[in-house]
Amino acid sequence: MTDQPEPDDDAPKAVPTIDASVPHSARIWNYLLGGKDNYQADRDAGDRVAAVFPGMVQLTRHSRAFIGRVVRHLAEEEGIRQFLDIGTGLPTFDNTHEVAQRIAPESRIVYVDNDPLVLVHAHALLTSTPEGACDYVHADVRDPELILEEAARTLDFDKPVGLMLMGILGLVPDFDQARSVTARLLDALAPGSFLGLNDGSTTDPAYVEAISRHNRGNGVTPYTPRTPEQITRFFDGLDLLEPGVVTCSRWRPGVLPFGLPDPVACHGGLARKALPTAPA
């Protein structure tokens, strides 16, 4: 891959209009995590979900912790120095670049989201180490060609990349389309790349009911929980790392003095794109 031109930081960036009256998944998630970057419509939507499913806050926290453990493993154990984080949400604690660059300051990260509020905060807060790089792409997960084109300004797709699809494919209701998007993104990545993925699962009826009611709310983007078996299908053709696709609270939680945490209705895993087989 030829050297890509550095992003022009001085180029004017169009900021889409923010509609504070319509709840958005990134801002609802921010509210459930205890953040302040949300509007009343987002808080109301989050409260409605939590009223039906009180475990929602716990789910968001375990999902967030899962992301950190995945990035830490990739940077520390697998030597990954490039990350493509799609559906990053609003900046919060231990963002992908912070975890990766603490371990390897030269890491390069591209964040992708389609919420204009995320765009504003990302440019202000997602700042890189001098040795590494951070960039932000305003795009929808359903447009992998645009994502790949824009991300190539910062990432070298001839080298392994950690692709992060955390809590985002549930926003693509058609399962075949979600799988197609994932496959297209993976196809562009070099062998030795990784897919880290999680999404809400159908393992808790109260969660499923809460999301169903949320989807019927006025103006919200529908979210589709999937079975653990469906979530596992996103890793087809890849080499799943232990312990496979499991509830996020129990994916490599480390040494815990009081046993494993309770399961949550969010499943995920981490898998490697295989290296080419050497000729015999």
C-alpha atoms as a PDB file:
ATOM      1  CA  MET A   1       0.000   0.000   0.000  1.00  0.00           C
ATOM      2  CA  THR A   2       1.401   3.385  -0.916  1.00  0.00           C
ATOM      3  CA  ASP A   3       1.783   6.066   1.709  1.00  0.00           C
ATOM      4  CA  GLN A   4      -1.463   7.881   2.320  1.00  0.00           C
ATOM      5  CA  PRO A   5      -1.541  11.673   2.617  1.00  0.00           C
ATOM      6  CA  GLU A   6      -1.968  12.937   6.141  1.00  0.00           C
ATOM      7  CA  PRO A   7      -5.433  14.329   6.940  1.00  0.00           C
ATOM      8  CA  ASP A   8      -5.664  18.070   6.405  1.00  0.00           C
ATOM      9  CA  ASP A   9      -6.470  19.280   9.910  1.00  0.00           C
ATOM     10  CA  ASP A  10      -6.999  22.812   8.609  1.00  0.00           C
ATOM     11  CA  ALA A  11      -9.631  21.804   6.084  1.00  0.00           C
ATOM     12  CA  PRO A  12     -13.121  22.981   7.004  1.00  0.00           C
ATOM     13  CA  LYS A  13     -15.271  20.182   8.389  1.00  0.00           C
ATOM     14  CA  ALA A  14     -19.015  20.306   7.852  1.00  0.00           C
ATOM     15  CA  VAL A  15     -20.876  19.627  11.079  1.00  0.00           C
ATOM     16  CA  PRO A  16     -24.380  18.230  10.522  1.00  0.00           C
ATOM     17  CA  THR A  17     -27.290  19.685  12.448  1.00  0.00           C
ATOM     18  CA  ILE A  18     -27.998  18.148  15.859  1.00  0.00           C
ATOM     19  CA  ASP A  19     -31.671  17.459  16.531  1.00  0.00           C
ATOM     20  CA  ALA A  20     -31.983  17.458  20.322  1.00  0.00           C
ATOM     21  CA  SER A  21     -35.641  16.432  20.166  1.00  0.00           C
ATOM     22  CA  VAL A  22     -34.915  12.983  18.712  1.00  0.00           C
ATOM     23  CA  PRO A  23     -33.169  10.382  20.907  1.00  0.00           C
ATOM     24  CA  HIS A  24     -29.982   8.875  19.498  1.00  0.00           C
ATOM     25  CA  SER A  25     -28.397   5.568  20.493  1.00  0.00           C
ATOM     26  CA  ALA A  26     -24.954   7.074  21.211  1.00  0.00           C
ATOM     27  CA  ARG A  27     -26.410   9.723  23.497  1.00  0.00           C
ATOM     28  CA  ILE A  28     -28.742   7.260  25.263  1.00  0.00           C
ATOM     29  CA  TRP A  29     -25.735   5.005  25.889  1.00  0.00           C
ATOM     30  CA  ASN A  30     -23.805   7.986  27.224  1.00  0.00           C
ATOM     31  CA  TYR A  31     -26.637   8.751  29.640  1.00  0.00           C
ATOM     32  CA  LEU A  32     -26.839   5.138  30.862  1.00  0.00           C
ATOM     33  CA  LEU A  33     -23.088   5.188  31.512  1.00  0.00           C
ATOM     34  CA  GLY A  34     -23.508   8.287  33.675  1.00  0.00           C
ATOM     35  CA  GLY A  35     -22.258  10.781  31.067  1.00  0.00           C
ATOM     36  CA  LYS A  36     -23.446  14.346  30.561  1.00  0.00           C
ATOM     37  CA  ASP A  37     -23.367  14.579  26.764  1.00  0.00           C
ATOM     38  CA  ASN A  38     -27.045  13.951  26.120  1.00  0.00           C
ATOM     39  CA  TYR A  39     -30.378  15.713  25.867  1.00  0.00           C
ATOM     40  CA  GLN A  40     -33.710  15.319  27.627  1.00  0.00           C
ATOM     41  CA  ALA A  41     -35.064  13.155  24.814  1.00  0.00           C
ATOM     42  CA  ASP A  42     -32.118  10.769  25.296  1.00  0.00           C
ATOM     43  CA  ARG A  43     -32.595  10.686  29.069  1.00  0.00           C
ATOM     44  CA  ASP A  44     -36.288   9.996  28.707  1.00  0.00           C
ATOM     45  CA  ALA A  45     -35.603   7.138  26.289  1.00  0.00           C
ATOM     46  CA  GLY A  46     -32.955   5.668  28.596  1.00  0.00           C
ATOM     47  CA  ASP A  47     -35.282   5.907  31.604  1.00  0.00           C
ATOM     48  CA  ARG A  48     -38.042   4.107  29.721  1.00  0.00           C
ATOM     49  CA  VAL A  49     -35.703   1.217  28.913  1.00  0.00           C
ATOM     50  CA  ALA A  50     -34.404   1.032  32.503  1.00  0.00           C
ATOM     51  CA  ALA A  51     -37.957   1.085  33.890  1.00  0.00           C
ATOM     52  CA  VAL A  52     -38.733  -2.167  32.069  1.00  0.00           C
ATOM     53  CA  PHE A  53     -35.219  -3.631  32.408  1.00  0.00           C
ATOM     54  CA  PRO A  54     -33.438  -2.351  35.545  1.00  0.00           C
ATOM     55  CA  GLY A  55     -30.295  -4.265  34.573  1.00  0.00           C
ATOM     56  CA  MET A  56     -29.674  -1.927  31.622  1.00  0.00           C
ATOM     57  CA  VAL A  57     -27.085   0.189  33.441  1.00  0.00           C
ATOM     58  CA  GLN A  58     -25.173  -2.938  34.469  1.00  0.00           C
ATOM     59  CA  LEU A  59     -25.301  -4.162  30.866  1.00  0.00           C
ATOM     60  CA  THR A  60     -23.844  -0.904  29.533  1.00  0.00           C
ATOM     61  CA  ARG A  61     -21.001  -1.018  32.047  1.00  0.00           C
ATOM     62  CA  HIS A  62     -20.074  -4.613  31.279  1.00  0.00           C
ATOM     63  CA  SER A  63     -20.213  -3.851  27.561  1.00  0.00           C
ATOM     64  CA  ARG A  64     -17.873  -0.904  28.064  1.00  0.00           C
ATOM     65  CA  ALA A  65     -15.466  -2.978  30.162  1.00  0.00           C
ATOM     66  CA  PHE A  66     -15.479  -5.686  27.484  1.00  0.00           C
ATOM     67  CA  ILE A  67     -14.300  -3.150  24.898  1.00  0.00           C
ATOM     68  CA  GLY A  68     -11.385  -2.146  27.091  1.00  0.00           C
ATOM     69  CA  ARG A  69     -10.323  -5.746  27.649  1.00  0.00           C
ATOM     70  CA  VAL A  70     -10.467  -6.486  23.918  1.00  0.00           C
ATOM     71  CA  VAL A  71      -8.339  -3.454  23.000  1.00  0.00           C
ATOM     72  CA  ARG A  72      -5.889  -4.209  25.795  1.00  0.00           C
ATOM     73  CA  HIS A  73      -5.485  -7.791  24.611  1.00  0.00           C
ATOM     74  CA  LEU A  74      -4.969  -6.732  21.004  1.00  0.00           C
ATOM     75  CA  ALA A  75      -2.359  -4.101  21.842  1.00  0.00           C
ATOM     76  CA  GLU A  76      -0.567  -6.003  24.585  1.00  0.00           C
ATOM     77  CA  GLU A  77      -0.744  -9.634  23.490  1.00  0.00           C
ATOM     78  CA  GLU A  78      -1.259  -9.516  19.719  1.00  0.00           C
ATOM     79  CA  GLY A  79       0.855  -6.486  18.781  1.00  0.00           C
ATOM     80  CA  ILE A  80      -1.971  -4.698  16.974  1.00  0.00           C
ATOM     81  CA  ARG A  81      -1.123  -1.050  16.302  1.00  0.00           C
ATOM     82  CA  GLN A  82      -4.106  -0.029  14.147  1.00  0.00           C
ATOM     83  CA  PHE A  83      -7.761   0.109  15.169  1.00  0.00           C
ATOM     84  CA  LEU A  84     -10.942   0.831  13.218  1.00  0.00           C
ATOM     85  CA  ASP A  85     -13.660   1.525  15.799  1.00  0.00           C
ATOM     86  CA  ILE A  86     -17.089   1.736  14.127  1.00  0.00           C
ATOM     87  CA  GLY A  87     -19.984   2.997  16.194  1.00  0.00           C
ATOM     88  CA  THR A  88     -17.661   4.404  18.804  1.00  0.00           C
ATOM     89  CA  GLY A  89     -20.284   6.521  20.528  1.00  0.00           C
ATOM     90  CA  LEU A  90     -19.498   9.586  22.583  1.00  0.00           C
ATOM     91  CA  PRO A  91     -16.062   9.870  24.149  1.00  0.00           C
ATOM     92  CA  THR A  92     -16.012   8.449  27.675  1.00  0.00           C
ATOM     93  CA  PHE A  93     -13.460   6.778  29.944  1.00  0.00           C
ATOM     94  CA  ASP A  94     -10.861   4.442  28.422  1.00  0.00           C
ATOM     95  CA  ASN A  95     -11.635   5.129  24.787  1.00  0.00           C
ATOM     96  CA  THR A  96      -9.982   2.813  22.278  1.00  0.00           C
ATOM     97  CA  HIS A  97      -7.064   5.132  21.554  1.00  0.00           C
ATOM     98  CA  GLU A  98      -6.407   5.737  25.253  1.00  0.00           C
ATOM     99  CA  VAL A  99      -6.183   2.031  26.046  1.00  0.00           C
ATOM    100  CA  ALA A 100      -4.107   1.238  22.956  1.00  0.00           C
ATOM    101  CA  GLN A 101      -1.743   4.199  23.211  1.00  0.00           C
ATOM    102  CA  ARG A 102      -1.013   3.598  26.885  1.00  0.00           C
ATOM    103  CA  ILE A 103       0.460   0.292  25.774  1.00  0.00           C
ATOM    104  CA  ALA A 104       1.835   1.394  22.380  1.00  0.00           C
ATOM    105  CA  PRO A 105       1.965   5.185  21.886  1.00  0.00           C
ATOM    106  CA  GLU A 106       2.454   4.731  18.134  1.00  0.00           C
ATOM    107  CA  SER A 107      -1.010   3.166  17.709  1.00  0.00           C
ATOM    108  CA  ARG A 108      -3.258   4.646  15.026  1.00  0.00           C
ATOM    109  CA  ILE A 109      -7.007   4.769  15.529  1.00  0.00           C
ATOM    110  CA  VAL A 110      -9.914   5.732  13.299  1.00  0.00           C
ATOM    111  CA  TYR A 111     -13.290   6.285  14.944  1.00  0.00           C
ATOM    112  CA  VAL A 112     -16.516   6.052  12.939  1.00  0.00           C
ATOM    113  CA  ASP A 113     -19.974   7.237  13.966  1.00  0.00           C
ATOM    114  CA  ASN A 114     -22.967   8.923  12.358  1.00  0.00           C
ATOM    115  CA  ASP A 115     -24.116  11.138  15.248  1.00  0.00           C
ATOM    116  CA  PRO A 116     -23.190  14.819  14.754  1.00  0.00           C
ATOM    117  CA  LEU A 117     -22.779  15.308  18.507  1.00  0.00           C
ATOM    118  CA  VAL A 118     -20.202  12.521  18.487  1.00  0.00           C
ATOM    119  CA  LEU A 119     -18.482  14.299  15.590  1.00  0.00           C
ATOM    120  CA  VAL A 120     -18.176  17.532  17.586  1.00  0.00           C
ATOM    121  CA  HIS A 121     -16.858  15.809  20.702  1.00  0.00           C
ATOM    122  CA  ALA A 122     -14.531  13.498  18.799  1.00  0.00           C
ATOM    123  CA  HIS A 123     -12.662  16.326  17.104  1.00  0.00           C
ATOM    124  CA  ALA A 124     -12.300  18.084  20.458  1.00  0.00           C
ATOM    125  CA  LEU A 125     -11.432  15.168  22.732  1.00  0.00           C
ATOM    126  CA  LEU A 126     -10.042  12.231  20.769  1.00  0.00           C
ATOM    127  CA  THR A 127      -6.516  13.540  20.615  1.00  0.00           C
ATOM    128  CA  SER A 128      -3.597  11.262  19.861  1.00  0.00           C
ATOM    129  CA  THR A 129      -0.141  10.870  21.274  1.00  0.00           C
ATOM    130  CA  PRO A 130       2.544  12.580  19.145  1.00  0.00           C
ATOM    131  CA  GLU A 131       3.789   9.166  18.033  1.00  0.00           C
ATOM    132  CA  GLY A 132       0.397   7.861  16.936  1.00  0.00           C
ATOM    133  CA  ALA A 133      -2.698   9.175  15.185  1.00  0.00           C
ATOM    134  CA  CYS A 134      -6.438   9.571  15.682  1.00  0.00           C
ATOM    135  CA  ASP A 135      -8.948  10.406  12.999  1.00  0.00           C
ATOM    136  CA  TYR A 136     -12.725  10.531  12.843  1.00  0.00           C
ATOM    137  CA  VAL A 137     -15.027   9.478  10.006  1.00  0.00           C
ATOM    138  CA  HIS A 138     -18.641  10.624   9.910  1.00  0.00           C
ATOM    139  CA  ALA A 139     -20.371   7.647   8.279  1.00  0.00           C
ATOM    140  CA  ASP A 140     -23.001   4.974   8.763  1.00  0.00           C
ATOM    141  CA  VAL A 141     -21.966   1.377   9.422  1.00  0.00           C
ATOM    142  CA  ARG A 142     -24.109   0.383   6.419  1.00  0.00           C
ATOM    143  CA  ASP A 143     -21.704   2.236   4.112  1.00  0.00           C
ATOM    144  CA  PRO A 144     -18.526   0.156   4.408  1.00  0.00           C
ATOM    145  CA  GLU A 145     -17.057   1.523   1.160  1.00  0.00           C
ATOM    146  CA  LEU A 146     -17.075   5.089   2.487  1.00  0.00           C
ATOM    147  CA  ILE A 147     -15.682   3.938   5.830  1.00  0.00           C
ATOM    148  CA  LEU A 148     -12.810   2.075   4.199  1.00  0.00           C
ATOM    149  CA  GLU A 149     -12.030   4.916   1.798  1.00  0.00           C
ATOM    150  CA  GLU A 150     -11.906   7.506   4.577  1.00  0.00           C
ATOM    151  CA  ALA A 151     -10.080   5.277   7.069  1.00  0.00           C
ATOM    152  CA  ALA A 152      -7.330   4.612   4.508  1.00  0.00           C
ATOM    153  CA  ARG A 153      -6.107   8.180   5.098  1.00  0.00           C
ATOM    154  CA  THR A 154      -4.862   7.055   8.499  1.00  0.00           C
ATOM    155  CA  LEU A 155      -4.650   3.257   8.475  1.00  0.00           C
ATOM    156  CA  ASP A 156      -2.510   0.976   6.316  1.00  0.00           C
ATOM    157  CA  PHE A 157      -4.770  -1.872   5.279  1.00  0.00           C
ATOM    158  CA  ASP A 158      -1.779  -3.927   4.180  1.00  0.00           C
ATOM    159  CA  LYS A 159      -1.005  -4.376   7.886  1.00  0.00           C
ATOM    160  CA  PRO A 160      -3.216  -5.985  10.562  1.00  0.00           C
ATOM    161  CA  VAL A 161      -6.061  -3.913  11.982  1.00  0.00           C
ATOM    162  CA  GLY A 162      -8.272  -4.408  15.013  1.00  0.00           C
ATOM    163  CA  LEU A 163     -11.830  -3.936  13.719  1.00  0.00           C
ATOM    164  CA  MET A 164     -14.218  -2.972  16.513  1.00  0.00           C
ATOM    165  CA  LEU A 165     -17.960  -3.445  15.992  1.00  0.00           C
ATOM    166  CA  MET A 166     -19.267  -2.876  19.486  1.00  0.00           C
ATOM    167  CA  GLY A 167     -23.018  -2.613  19.964  1.00  0.00           C
ATOM    168  CA  ILE A 168     -23.472  -1.302  16.434  1.00  0.00           C
ATOM    169  CA  LEU A 169     -24.773  -4.181  14.305  1.00  0.00           C
ATOM    170  CA  GLY A 170     -27.999  -4.281  16.307  1.00  0.00           C
ATOM    171  CA  LEU A 171     -28.782  -1.003  14.536  1.00  0.00           C
ATOM    172  CA  VAL A 172     -28.803  -2.917  11.239  1.00  0.00           C
ATOM    173  CA  PRO A 173     -32.078  -4.844  11.586  1.00  0.00           C
ATOM    174  CA  ASP A 174     -31.616  -7.096   8.567  1.00  0.00           C
ATOM    175  CA  PHE A 175     -29.331  -9.953   9.675  1.00  0.00           C
ATOM    176  CA  ASP A 176     -28.084 -10.714   6.179  1.00  0.00           C
ATOM    177  CA  GLN A 177     -27.183  -7.067   5.617  1.00  0.00           C
ATOM    178  CA  ALA A 178     -25.375  -6.915   8.953  1.00  0.00           C
ATOM    179  CA  ARG A 179     -23.376 -10.013   8.027  1.00  0.00           C
ATOM    180  CA  SER A 180     -22.638  -8.598   4.564  1.00  0.00           C
ATOM    181  CA  VAL A 181     -21.325  -5.342   6.033  1.00  0.00           C
ATOM    182  CA  THR A 182     -19.097  -7.257   8.436  1.00  0.00           C
ATOM    183  CA  ALA A 183     -17.764  -9.495   5.677  1.00  0.00           C
ATOM    184  CA  ARG A 184     -16.983  -6.513   3.424  1.00  0.00           C
ATOM    185  CA  LEU A 185     -15.041  -4.756   6.163  1.00  0.00           C
ATOM    186  CA  LEU A 186     -13.105  -7.904   7.019  1.00  0.00           C
ATOM    187  CA  ASP A 187     -12.349  -8.562   3.360  1.00  0.00           C
ATOM    188  CA  ALA A 188     -10.450  -5.272   3.197  1.00  0.00           C
ATOM    189  CA  LEU A 189      -8.251  -6.137   6.179  1.00  0.00           C
ATOM    190  CA  ALA A 190      -4.905  -7.877   6.052  1.00  0.00           C
ATOM    191  CA  PRO A 191      -4.486 -11.437   7.351  1.00  0.00           C
ATOM    192  CA  GLY A 192      -3.652 -11.329  11.040  1.00  0.00           C
ATOM    193  CA  SER A 193      -6.317  -8.679  11.629  1.00  0.00           C
ATOM    194  CA  PHE A 194      -8.941  -9.131  14.345  1.00  0.00           C
ATOM    195  CA  LEU A 195     -12.659  -8.605  14.779  1.00  0.00           C
ATOM    196  CA  GLY A 196     -13.873  -7.579  18.228  1.00  0.00           C
ATOM    197  CA  LEU A 197     -17.662  -7.520  18.366  1.00  0.00           C
ATOM    198  CA  ASN A 198     -20.491  -7.429  20.853  1.00  0.00           C
ATOM    199  CA  ASP A 199     -24.226  -6.777  20.713  1.00  0.00           C
ATOM    200  CA  GLY A 200     -27.331  -7.047  22.799  1.00  0.00           C
ATOM    201  CA  SER A 201     -28.605 -10.618  22.995  1.00  0.00           C
ATOM    202  CA  THR A 202     -31.987 -12.260  23.422  1.00  0.00           C
ATOM    203  CA  THR A 203     -30.924 -14.115  26.575  1.00  0.00           C
ATOM    204  CA  ASP A 204     -33.008 -12.008  28.989  1.00  0.00           C
ATOM    205  CA  PRO A 205     -36.752 -11.628  28.252  1.00  0.00           C
ATOM    206  CA  ALA A 206     -36.942  -8.369  30.243  1.00  0.00           C
ATOM    207  CA  TYR A 207     -34.209  -6.863  28.075  1.00  0.00           C
ATOM    208  CA  VAL A 208     -35.946  -7.992  24.885  1.00  0.00           C
ATOM    209  CA  GLU A 209     -39.211  -6.455  26.066  1.00  0.00           C
ATOM    210  CA  ALA A 210     -37.500  -3.187  27.028  1.00  0.00           C
ATOM    211  CA  ILE A 211     -35.853  -2.907  23.624  1.00  0.00           C
ATOM    212  CA  SER A 212     -39.125  -3.756  21.880  1.00  0.00           C
ATOM    213  CA  ARG A 213     -40.832  -0.887  23.690  1.00  0.00           C
ATOM    214  CA  HIS A 214     -37.882   1.388  22.940  1.00  0.00           C
ATOM    215  CA  ASN A 215     -38.198   0.581  19.244  1.00  0.00           C
ATOM    216  CA  ARG A 216     -41.823   1.649  19.305  1.00  0.00           C
ATOM    217  CA  GLY A 217     -40.857   5.048  20.715  1.00  0.00           C
ATOM    218  CA  ASN A 218     -41.332   8.117  18.555  1.00  0.00           C
ATOM    219  CA  GLY A 219     -38.368   8.747  16.287  1.00  0.00           C
ATOM    220  CA  VAL A 220     -35.851   6.331  17.824  1.00  0.00           C
ATOM    221  CA  THR A 221     -33.496   4.238  15.730  1.00  0.00           C
ATOM    222  CA  PRO A 222     -34.642   0.604  16.158  1.00  0.00           C
ATOM    223  CA  TYR A 223     -32.262  -1.833  17.794  1.00  0.00           C
ATOM    224  CA  THR A 224     -32.337  -5.584  17.164  1.00  0.00           C
ATOM    225  CA  PRO A 225     -31.030  -7.958  19.847  1.00  0.00           C
ATOM    226  CA  ARG A 226     -29.826 -11.268  18.434  1.00  0.00           C
ATOM    227  CA  THR A 227     -29.335 -14.764  19.733  1.00  0.00           C
ATOM    228  CA  PRO A 228     -25.810 -15.785  20.793  1.00  0.00           C
ATOM    229  CA  GLU A 229     -25.851 -18.158  17.820  1.00  0.00           C
ATOM    230  CA  GLN A 230     -26.549 -15.272  15.422  1.00  0.00           C
ATOM    231  CA  ILE A 231     -23.833 -13.147  17.011  1.00  0.00           C
ATOM    232  CA  THR A 232     -21.435 -16.060  16.547  1.00  0.00           C
ATOM    233  CA  ARG A 233     -22.235 -16.080  12.810  1.00  0.00           C
ATOM    234  CA  PHE A 234     -20.547 -12.676  12.446  1.00  0.00           C
ATOM    235  CA  PHE A 235     -17.273 -14.501  13.121  1.00  0.00           C
ATOM    236  CA  ASP A 236     -17.741 -17.046  10.319  1.00  0.00           C
ATOM    237  CA  GLY A 237     -14.429 -17.806   8.613  1.00  0.00           C
ATOM    238  CA  LEU A 238     -12.371 -16.398  11.488  1.00  0.00           C
ATOM    239  CA  ASP A 239     -10.462 -18.113  14.292  1.00  0.00           C
ATOM    240  CA  LEU A 240     -12.318 -17.377  17.537  1.00  0.00           C
ATOM    241  CA  LEU A 241     -10.161 -16.835  20.565  1.00  0.00           C
ATOM    242  CA  GLU A 242     -11.094 -18.465  23.860  1.00  0.00           C
ATOM    243  CA  PRO A 243     -13.625 -18.422  25.444  1.00  0.00           C
ATOM    244  CA  GLY A 244     -15.537 -17.892  22.195  1.00  0.00           C
ATOM    245  CA  VAL A 245     -18.760 -15.877  22.076  1.00  0.00           C
ATOM    246  CA  VAL A 246     -20.001 -15.451  25.645  1.00  0.00           C
ATOM    247  CA  THR A 247     -21.812 -12.933  27.795  1.00  0.00           C
ATOM    248  CA  CYS A 248     -19.586  -9.840  27.890  1.00  0.00           C
ATOM    249  CA  SER A 249     -19.291  -9.878  31.664  1.00  0.00           C
ATOM    250  CA  ARG A 250     -17.513 -13.249  31.462  1.00  0.00           C
ATOM    251  CA  TRP A 251     -15.164 -12.628  28.537  1.00  0.00           C
ATOM    252  CA  ARG A 252     -11.686 -12.836  30.116  1.00  0.00           C
ATOM    253  CA  PRO A 253     -12.686 -10.901  33.241  1.00  0.00           C
ATOM    254  CA  GLY A 254      -9.368 -11.567  34.951  1.00  0.00           C
ATOM    255  CA  VAL A 255      -8.858 -12.731  38.504  1.00  0.00           C
ATOM    256  CA  LEU A 256     -11.956 -11.899  40.559  1.00  0.00           C
ATOM    257  CA  PRO A 257     -12.080 -12.439  44.330  1.00  0.00           C
ATOM    258  CA  PHE A 258     -15.803 -13.233  44.425  1.00  0.00           C
ATOM    259  CA  GLY A 259     -16.235 -15.458  41.392  1.00  0.00           C
ATOM    260  CA  LEU A 260     -17.584 -14.691  37.944  1.00  0.00           C
ATOM    261  CA  PRO A 261     -19.920 -11.715  37.527  1.00  0.00           C
ATOM    262  CA  ASP A 262     -23.553 -12.298  36.672  1.00  0.00           C
ATOM    263  CA  PRO A 263     -24.271 -12.786  32.957  1.00  0.00           C
ATOM    264  CA  VAL A 264     -25.728  -9.865  31.014  1.00  0.00           C
ATOM    265  CA  ALA A 265     -27.830  -9.795  27.841  1.00  0.00           C
ATOM    266  CA  CYS A 266     -24.869  -8.742  25.738  1.00  0.00           C
ATOM    267  CA  HIS A 267     -22.665 -11.287  23.983  1.00  0.00           C
ATOM    268  CA  GLY A 268     -19.383 -10.863  22.186  1.00  0.00           C
ATOM    269  CA  GLY A 269     -16.041 -12.274  21.266  1.00  0.00           C
ATOM    270  CA  LEU A 270     -12.729 -11.712  19.530  1.00  0.00           C
ATOM    271  CA  ALA A 271     -11.453 -13.543  16.451  1.00  0.00           C
ATOM    272  CA  ARG A 272      -8.438 -13.506  14.139  1.00  0.00           C
ATOM    273  CA  LYS A 273      -8.401 -13.395  10.368  1.00  0.00           C
ATOM    274  CA  ALA A 274      -6.169 -16.331   9.550  1.00  0.00           C
ATOM    275  CA  LEU A 275      -2.728 -15.887   8.051  1.00  0.00           C
ATOM    276  CA  PRO A 276      -2.160 -17.488   4.632  1.00  0.00           C
ATOM    277  CA  THR A 277      -1.177 -21.139   4.757  1.00  0.00           C
ATOM    278  CA  ALA A 278       2.460 -21.666   3.803  1.00  0.00           C
ATOM    279  CA  PRO A 279       2.929 -23.825   0.673  1.00  0.00           C
ATOM    280  CA  ALA A 280       3.939 -27.411   1.374  1.00  0.00           C
END
